[in-house]
Protein backbone atom coordinates (compact mmCIF):
# COMPACT_ATOMS: atom_id res chain seq x y z
CA MET A 1 -0.01 -0.19 -0.33
CA THR A 2 0.81 3.98 -0.21
CA VAL A 3 2.10 5.63 2.91
CA ASP A 4 0.70 8.58 3.48
CA VAL A 5 4.39 10.54 4.07
CA ALA A 6 3.22 14.09 4.43
CA ARG A 7 0.34 12.79 7.56
CA LEU A 8 2.70 9.87 8.50
CA LYS A 9 5.04 13.37 9.66
CA GLN A 10 2.38 15.45 10.86
CA SER A 11 1.08 12.67 13.61
CA TRP A 12 4.77 12.37 14.24
CA HIS A 13 5.19 15.95 14.74
CA LEU A 14 2.63 16.60 16.95
CA VAL A 15 3.14 13.28 19.26
CA ALA A 16 6.64 14.47 19.89
CA GLY A 17 5.06 17.54 20.75
CA HIS A 18 4.20 15.40 23.92
CA GLY A 19 8.13 15.58 25.67
CA ASP A 20 8.60 13.15 27.78
CA GLN A 21 5.55 11.36 28.68
CA VAL A 22 5.38 9.71 25.20
CA PRO A 23 8.62 7.08 25.73
CA LEU A 24 7.25 7.20 28.91
CA PHE A 25 3.82 5.77 28.27
CA PHE A 26 5.33 3.74 24.86
CA TYR A 27 7.67 1.40 27.78
CA SER A 28 4.63 1.32 30.42
CA THR A 29 3.28 -0.33 27.44
CA LEU A 30 5.42 -2.46 26.14
CA PHE A 31 6.34 -3.42 29.68
CA LEU A 32 2.79 -4.27 31.19
CA ALA A 33 1.89 -6.23 27.55
CA HIS A 34 4.64 -8.59 27.49
CA PRO A 35 6.85 -8.43 30.88
CA ASP A 36 9.79 -10.38 29.65
CA VAL A 37 11.54 -7.69 27.53
CA ARG A 38 11.80 -5.67 30.88
CA GLN A 39 15.06 -7.42 31.32
CA MET A 40 16.41 -6.41 28.31
CA PHE A 41 16.27 -2.44 29.24
CA PRO A 42 18.74 -0.89 31.57
CA THR A 43 17.66 -0.49 35.10
CA ASN A 44 17.92 3.08 35.14
CA MET A 45 15.57 4.06 31.19
CA ALA A 46 16.25 7.76 31.74
CA GLY A 47 18.64 7.53 28.39
CA GLN A 48 16.86 5.01 26.61
CA ARG A 49 13.52 7.01 26.79
CA ASP A 50 15.96 9.09 24.98
CA ARG A 51 16.87 7.29 23.15
CA LEU A 52 13.20 6.08 21.14
CA VAL A 53 12.91 9.83 20.61
CA THR A 54 15.60 9.94 18.54
CA ALA A 55 15.50 7.09 16.45
CA LEU A 56 11.69 7.89 15.45
CA GLY A 57 12.49 11.45 15.36
CA HIS A 58 15.37 10.36 12.00
CA ILE A 59 12.88 7.11 10.49
CA VAL A 60 9.93 9.28 10.36
CA SER A 61 12.15 12.37 9.49
CA ASN A 62 13.56 10.91 6.70
CA VAL A 63 10.83 8.21 5.21
CA ASP A 64 10.43 9.66 2.16
CA GLN A 65 14.38 8.96 1.71
CA VAL A 66 14.51 4.95 0.90
CA ASP A 67 18.04 4.41 0.33
CA GLN A 68 19.25 6.35 3.33
CA LEU A 69 16.91 4.82 6.16
CA VAL A 70 17.86 1.41 4.78
CA GLY A 71 21.10 1.80 6.28
CA PHE A 72 19.79 3.05 8.95
CA LEU A 73 17.79 0.68 9.58
CA GLN A 74 20.16 -2.64 8.77
CA SER A 75 22.84 -1.04 10.66
CA LEU A 76 20.34 -0.57 13.80
CA GLY A 77 19.26 -3.81 14.09
CA ALA A 78 22.31 -4.90 13.28
CA ASP A 79 23.87 -3.03 16.92
CA HIS A 80 20.42 -4.15 19.12
CA ARG A 81 21.24 -7.97 18.66
CA LYS A 82 23.62 -7.02 21.58
CA PHE A 83 20.45 -6.63 23.47
CA ALA A 84 19.05 -9.85 22.52
CA VAL A 85 16.79 -8.59 20.38
CA ARG A 86 14.82 -10.57 17.80
CA ALA A 87 12.38 -11.00 15.40
CA GLU A 88 9.57 -12.57 17.32
CA HIS A 89 9.94 -8.59 19.30
CA TYR A 90 8.90 -6.05 16.34
CA PRO A 91 5.12 -7.02 16.79
CA ALA A 92 5.47 -6.33 20.69
CA VAL A 93 7.11 -2.89 19.63
CA GLY A 94 4.93 -2.36 17.06
CA GLU A 95 1.81 -2.99 19.20
CA ALA A 96 3.28 -0.37 21.98
CA LEU A 97 4.37 2.10 19.60
CA LEU A 98 0.17 1.89 17.48
CA ALA A 99 -0.89 2.19 21.39
CA THR A 100 1.40 5.17 22.44
CA LEU A 101 0.37 6.99 18.95
CA ALA A 102 -2.73 6.62 19.86
CA HIS A 103 -3.02 8.12 22.86
CA PHE A 104 -1.52 10.45 22.07
CA LEU A 105 -3.62 11.68 19.35
CA GLY A 106 -6.39 11.05 20.80
CA GLU A 107 -9.26 11.42 18.14
CA GLN A 108 -6.61 12.24 15.31
CA TRP A 109 -5.62 8.97 15.07
CA THR A 110 -7.86 7.92 12.58
CA GLU A 111 -8.05 4.49 10.23
CA ASP A 112 -6.00 5.87 7.50
CA LEU A 113 -3.51 6.69 9.82
CA ALA A 114 -3.57 3.79 11.33
CA ALA A 115 -3.03 1.95 7.97
CA ASP A 116 -0.64 4.37 7.57
CA TRP A 117 1.50 3.79 11.22
CA THR A 118 1.33 -0.14 10.47
CA ALA A 119 2.72 -0.81 7.35
CA ALA A 120 5.33 1.93 7.82
CA TYR A 121 6.76 -0.30 11.03
CA GLY A 122 6.16 -3.40 9.00
CA LEU A 123 8.52 -1.76 6.93
CA VAL A 124 10.69 -0.91 9.56
CA ALA A 125 10.69 -4.05 11.69
CA LYS A 126 11.14 -6.51 8.13
CA VAL A 127 14.53 -4.01 6.86
CA MET A 128 16.01 -4.28 11.19
CA SER A 129 15.21 -7.62 10.99
CA ASP A 130 16.83 -8.81 7.73
CA GLY A 131 19.93 -6.16 9.11
CA ALA A 132 20.28 -8.21 12.27
CA THR A 133 20.13 -11.66 9.86
CA ALA A 134 22.97 -10.33 7.46
CA ALA A 135 24.77 -10.06 10.10
CA GLU A 136 24.74 -12.96 11.82
CA ASN A 137 27.00 -13.47 9.13
CA VAL A 138 29.76 -11.18 9.58
CA SER A 139 29.87 -10.30 13.53
CA PRO A 140 28.58 -12.26 16.88
CA PRO A 141 26.09 -9.66 18.39
CA TRP A 142 29.01 -8.63 21.44
CA TRP A 143 32.75 -9.44 21.71
CA VAL A 144 34.04 -10.37 25.07
CA GLY A 145 37.15 -7.84 26.26
CA GLU A 146 39.28 -8.29 29.20
CA VAL A 147 40.83 -5.75 30.46
CA VAL A 148 44.57 -5.78 30.65
CA ALA A 149 45.84 -1.98 31.59
CA HIS A 150 44.19 0.62 33.77
CA GLU A 151 45.38 3.24 34.33
CA SER A 152 44.23 6.94 35.93
CA ARG A 153 45.53 10.32 34.53
CA THR A 154 43.04 12.50 36.46
CA PHE A 155 40.62 12.18 38.61
CA ASP A 156 37.97 11.44 36.44
CA ILE A 157 39.89 10.29 33.21
CA ALA A 158 41.23 7.00 33.17
CA VAL A 159 42.82 5.01 30.20
CA LEU A 160 42.26 1.41 29.57
CA THR A 161 43.78 -1.30 27.29
CA LEU A 162 41.37 -3.94 26.47
CA ARG A 163 41.69 -7.52 24.64
CA PRO A 164 39.17 -8.85 22.98
CA GLN A 165 38.44 -12.79 22.71
CA TYR A 166 39.53 -12.55 19.46
CA LEU A 167 39.50 -10.16 16.30
CA LEU A 168 37.08 -7.12 16.66
CA PRO A 169 38.01 -5.45 13.29
CA PHE A 170 37.15 -1.08 13.09
CA GLU A 171 38.89 1.62 11.22
CA ALA A 172 40.38 4.41 13.19
CA GLY A 173 38.24 7.65 14.25
CA GLN A 174 34.87 4.66 14.38
CA SER A 175 33.60 4.40 17.77
CA ILE A 176 32.61 0.66 19.51
CA GLY A 177 29.72 -0.42 21.96
CA VAL A 178 31.21 -0.89 25.73
CA SER A 179 28.90 -2.55 28.30
CA SER A 180 29.67 -3.68 32.07
CA PRO A 181 28.41 -7.77 32.88
CA ALA A 182 27.08 -5.36 35.78
CA THR A 183 25.00 -2.92 33.69
CA ARG A 184 23.42 -3.72 31.03
CA ALA A 185 23.41 -0.08 29.74
CA TRP A 186 25.92 0.27 26.97
CA ARG A 187 27.79 3.88 25.65
CA TYR A 188 29.69 4.44 22.68
CA TYR A 189 33.38 4.86 22.78
CA SER A 190 36.12 5.61 20.02
CA PRO A 191 39.64 3.82 20.51
CA ALA A 192 42.59 5.51 20.98
CA ASN A 193 44.60 3.71 18.51
CA ALA A 194 44.53 2.43 15.03
CA SER A 195 44.36 -1.00 14.24
CA ARG A 196 46.59 -3.33 16.17
CA ALA A 197 48.73 -6.65 14.71
CA ASP A 198 47.93 -8.03 18.62
CA GLY A 199 44.18 -6.94 18.86
CA THR A 200 43.93 -4.66 22.23
CA ILE A 201 41.68 -1.39 22.04
CA GLU A 202 42.43 1.46 23.57
CA LEU A 203 39.90 4.20 25.77
CA HIS A 204 39.92 7.68 27.14
CA VAL A 205 37.31 7.47 29.75
CA ARG A 206 35.85 10.15 31.18
CA ALA A 207 33.43 9.52 34.15
CA ALA A 208 29.87 11.88 33.69
CA PRO A 209 28.19 12.63 36.62
CA GLY A 210 25.46 10.25 36.53
CA GLY A 211 27.57 7.48 33.63
CA ALA A 212 26.41 4.48 34.74
CA VAL A 213 29.01 2.79 32.65
CA SER A 214 32.31 5.34 32.13
CA SER A 215 31.97 5.49 36.39
CA ARG A 216 32.46 1.89 36.24
CA LEU A 217 34.46 1.72 33.68
CA VAL A 218 37.22 4.38 35.92
CA TYR A 219 36.24 3.83 39.37
CA GLY A 220 34.97 0.16 39.67
CA THR A 221 37.18 -2.07 37.00
CA SER A 222 40.40 -3.44 37.66
CA VAL A 223 42.95 -5.52 35.08
CA GLY A 224 41.26 -8.69 34.84
CA ASP A 225 38.37 -7.68 34.25
CA GLN A 226 36.35 -8.40 31.12
CA VAL A 227 33.57 -5.92 29.56
CA HIS A 228 31.81 -6.64 26.57
CA LEU A 229 32.01 -5.26 23.30
CA ALA A 230 30.04 -4.13 20.40
CA ALA A 231 30.66 -3.74 16.55
CA PRO A 232 32.24 -0.67 15.58
CA VAL A 233 29.97 2.65 13.85
CA GLY A 234 30.40 5.38 12.61
CA GLU A 235 32.30 7.10 9.28
CA ARG A 236 32.36 10.70 9.75
CA LEU A 237 36.26 10.90 11.27
CA THR A 238 37.75 7.80 9.57
CA LEU A 239 39.93 8.83 6.78
CA ARG A 240 38.25 7.53 4.27
CA ARG A 241 36.51 11.00 4.77
CA ALA A 242 39.79 12.16 3.16
CA ALA A 243 40.23 10.66 0.23
CA GLY A 244 42.66 10.41 -2.02
CA GLY A 245 45.43 12.37 0.87
CA GLY A 246 46.02 15.73 1.69
CA ASP A 247 47.13 16.85 4.95
CA LEU A 248 44.82 17.06 8.47
CA LEU A 249 44.01 19.96 11.01
CA LEU A 250 43.23 18.03 13.48
CA LEU A 251 40.65 20.05 16.38
CA ALA A 252 40.05 17.92 20.26
CA ASN A 253 38.75 18.84 23.19
CA GLY A 254 39.20 16.87 26.50
CA THR A 255 38.39 13.06 25.95
CA GLY A 256 38.08 13.84 21.92
CA TRP A 257 41.77 13.92 21.42
CA ALA A 258 40.82 9.61 21.80
CA PRO A 259 39.49 8.86 17.79
CA LEU A 260 41.52 12.05 16.51
CA LYS A 261 45.61 10.35 17.79
CA ALA A 262 43.40 6.57 16.36
CA LEU A 263 43.74 9.13 12.95
CA VAL A 264 47.56 9.88 13.55
CA GLU A 265 48.34 5.62 14.04
CA GLN A 266 47.07 5.66 10.90
CA VAL A 267 48.12 7.57 9.19
CA ALA A 268 52.06 5.99 10.49
CA ALA A 269 50.62 2.99 9.48
CA GLU A 270 50.01 4.33 5.97
CA GLY A 271 53.34 5.07 5.67
CA GLY A 272 53.21 8.97 7.16
CA GLY A 273 51.92 10.87 3.64
CA ARG A 274 50.33 13.63 5.00
CA ARG A 275 51.43 16.74 7.45
CA VAL A 276 49.37 16.57 10.62
CA ASP A 277 48.82 18.75 13.52
CA ALA A 278 46.83 18.92 16.02
CA TYR A 279 44.94 21.62 18.41
CA VAL A 280 44.74 20.40 21.57
CA GLY A 281 42.64 21.91 24.20
CA ALA A 282 41.82 21.20 28.40
CA ARG A 283 40.13 23.95 30.88
CA SER A 284 43.42 23.51 32.41
CA ARG A 285 47.03 22.65 32.24
CA THR A 286 45.89 19.12 34.68
CA GLU A 287 43.97 18.59 32.58
CA PHE A 288 46.22 17.43 29.72
CA TYR A 289 45.90 13.65 30.49
CA ASP A 290 47.90 11.96 27.29
CA VAL A 291 50.78 14.42 26.54
CA GLU A 292 53.86 11.47 27.39
CA ALA A 293 52.07 9.39 25.01
CA THR A 294 50.95 12.43 22.31
CA GLU A 295 54.90 13.80 22.47
CA LYS A 296 56.27 10.09 21.49
CA LEU A 297 54.07 10.25 18.58
CA ALA A 298 55.28 13.54 18.03
CA ALA A 299 59.21 12.59 18.39
CA SER A 300 58.68 9.82 16.35
CA TYR A 301 56.87 11.39 13.55
CA PRO A 302 58.21 14.32 11.68
CA TRP A 303 54.82 15.15 9.92
CA PHE A 304 52.72 15.43 12.85
CA ARG A 305 53.09 18.42 15.64
CA VAL A 306 50.64 19.14 18.29
CA THR A 307 50.03 22.14 20.25
CA TYR A 308 48.43 22.93 23.34
CA VAL A 309 45.74 24.65 24.15
CA VAL A 310 44.64 25.42 27.55
CA ASN A 311 41.52 27.01 27.55
CA ALA A 312 41.09 28.57 31.03
CA ASP A 313 44.32 30.66 31.77
CA PRO A 314 44.61 31.70 35.17
CA SER A 315 46.71 34.51 34.55
CA ARG A 316 43.76 35.69 32.19
CA PRO A 317 40.66 35.70 34.27
CA GLY A 318 37.05 35.77 31.84
CA GLU A 319 39.49 34.86 28.96
CA PHE A 320 38.01 31.62 27.08
CA VAL A 321 40.45 29.93 24.97
CA GLN A 322 38.69 28.17 22.08
CA VAL A 323 40.84 25.55 20.17
CA VAL A 324 39.78 26.63 16.46
CA ASP A 325 40.83 30.31 17.54
CA ARG A 326 44.19 29.33 17.96
CA ALA A 327 44.47 26.85 15.03
CA LEU A 328 43.24 30.17 12.92
CA ALA A 329 45.22 32.57 14.32
CA ASP A 330 48.38 30.63 14.02
CA GLY A 331 48.02 29.65 9.87
CA ASP A 332 45.52 29.41 6.78
CA TRP A 333 45.29 25.00 6.95
CA ARG A 334 42.56 25.86 3.89
CA ASN A 335 44.40 23.14 1.89
CA ARG A 336 43.83 20.97 4.83
CA HIS A 337 40.81 18.16 5.33
CA VAL A 338 39.78 19.26 9.37
CA PHE A 339 38.67 16.72 11.65
CA VAL A 340 37.00 17.95 15.18
CA CYS A 341 35.79 16.15 17.75
CA GLY A 342 34.81 17.74 21.07
CA SER A 343 31.57 18.73 23.20
CA ASP A 344 28.97 19.73 20.99
CA PRO A 345 29.35 23.31 21.56
CA MET A 346 32.96 23.05 20.95
CA VAL A 347 32.14 21.04 18.14
CA SER A 348 29.47 23.47 16.80
CA GLY A 349 31.22 26.11 17.60
CA SER A 350 34.38 24.49 16.03
CA VAL A 351 32.41 24.29 11.87
CA SER A 352 30.63 27.79 12.16
CA GLY A 353 34.42 29.34 13.24
CA LEU A 354 35.27 27.64 10.25
CA ALA A 355 33.15 28.52 7.64
CA GLN A 356 33.30 31.81 8.39
CA ALA A 357 36.58 32.04 8.06
CA GLY A 358 35.99 30.36 4.35
CA TYR A 359 36.11 26.55 5.14
CA HIS A 360 34.28 24.48 2.63
CA ALA A 361 32.21 21.98 4.10
CA GLY A 362 33.06 19.02 2.25
CA GLN A 363 36.56 19.41 4.14
CA LEU A 364 35.09 19.88 7.41
CA HIS A 365 34.48 16.49 9.35
CA TYR A 366 32.74 15.90 12.74
CA GLU A 367 30.40 14.17 14.30
CA ALA A 368 26.55 14.83 13.88
CA LEU A 369 25.35 16.46 17.49
CA GLY A 370 23.45 15.38 19.93
CA GLY A 371 23.72 12.37 22.72
CA GLN A 372 22.84 9.09 20.87
CA TRP A 373 23.77 7.05 18.47
CA TYR A 374 21.96 5.31 15.86
CA SER A 375 23.05 5.05 12.24
CA PRO A 376 26.53 4.73 10.98
CA GLY A 377 26.62 8.13 10.12
CA ARG A 378 27.33 9.44 13.77
CA ARG A 379 28.73 9.22 16.86
CA THR A 380 28.41 12.43 18.55
CA GLY A 381 29.14 15.33 20.69
CA GLU A 382 27.06 15.02 24.51
CA VAL A 383 26.95 15.75 27.59
CA GLN A 384 24.53 12.73 28.06
CA GLU A 385 26.17 9.59 28.90
CA GLN A 386 28.05 9.38 25.48
CA ARG A 387 30.10 11.95 25.68
CA PRO A 388 31.74 13.99 28.01
CA ALA A 389 31.05 17.85 28.06
CA ASP A 390 34.20 18.64 26.77
CA GLY A 391 35.47 15.57 24.99
CA GLY A 392 35.03 12.52 23.17
CA THR A 393 34.28 9.98 24.42
CA GLN A 394 33.35 9.14 28.02
C-alpha cells in the first residue's frame, strides 16, 4: 500500500510535542503487555527514553528517503543484537508504538493514519530484522574483552587497554559499544588507536556525573575484569572521508582527542604521507591527560606536530581560549581536511568558526551533534552518557 508521508510526519510532530510523556507511555505499555522484555533494558531508563524519541524522529523525518533509511535501519537492527533482540520481539514493539500514537493523537488517530503507521512500522521491522540476520554472518552480537591495563590519568579520566577474545576489526575514528556485565547499559567510545597486530584497544574514558558505564570503567574496573564490546559504527571521523590523501588539521578538546589520536596512528600505518597538525584543548593544564603518549608520537613522526591549548588561563581571568581560534590565528589551513571532536558546543563552535573563515563543508569532518548513536553516520558530541561535556568519549 502507499503511505501518506506528509500525514505520517505531521502526526509524529504532534506526538513528539508531548515530550517525555511519549517514551514513558510507550515503555510502560510495552512492559505491562510483555514483562519478559524488561530484562533487555537498563535499570535506569532515562537515556533509553531519549534514544527512542531520537530514533523514531530520524526514521519519520527520512521516511521519504528510502536509500538513506534502509542503511540506517539495517545498522540499527544489527546493533540491537547486543540487547538480545530477536525477530519475535518486533510485533510487541509495534503494538506498543501504535497504542502510544493512538493515546496522544486522540480523535486525530484515524483508521487511515493507523494503516499508514502499521505499514511503515512493518517495513521498519522487516529491514531491521533482515539487517540483524545479515550481521549474524559477519560478526557476533558482542565480543568479550579483558582489561589488560587500567591507568588513572586524572581524578575522573582513565585510559584502559582491552583485549577482545578474538579480533574486533574497526577503522581509526569509528566507535565501539562498551558495556560492563554488571549493567545492561551500553555506551559508545572511540578507540584511541588504529588497528593493532595484537588486537588490543585503547579507550580514553571520563566519568560523567550519573554515568553508570563511564563511572564503572573509571572507578570500578581493574586489570583482569571483563567488558562486553559491540561492533564498530560510524565513518565521519575516518580517513575514508579524506580520500585521496591530503594533509590534516585535528581539533580536539578533552577526551575528544581519542579518535583523532587514532587517526595519527593510521596515517603512520599508511606510510606517513600527510602532514598532520593537532590542536588539543583542555580546561586547565592539569587536564592534559595524554601528553606523554602524544609527545612520543610527535618525536617519532616528523610530519606530526601538536599544540596544547589551555581553555582557561588563571593569569587571564574571564578569558576563554577556543581551540579553533588558536588554530586559525596560527595559520591558513584551507588546503587541509579538518577533523573536529569534542563536546557539542566545542564542535558546533569550531565548525561555525571555520565556515566563517572560508572553510568549505566538504573539508570539515565531525560527528553529528546530539547524545546518542543510531546510524553509521554518527557518533555524537554529547553531554549525556555518550560523551562528556568537554570530550569525545566517556
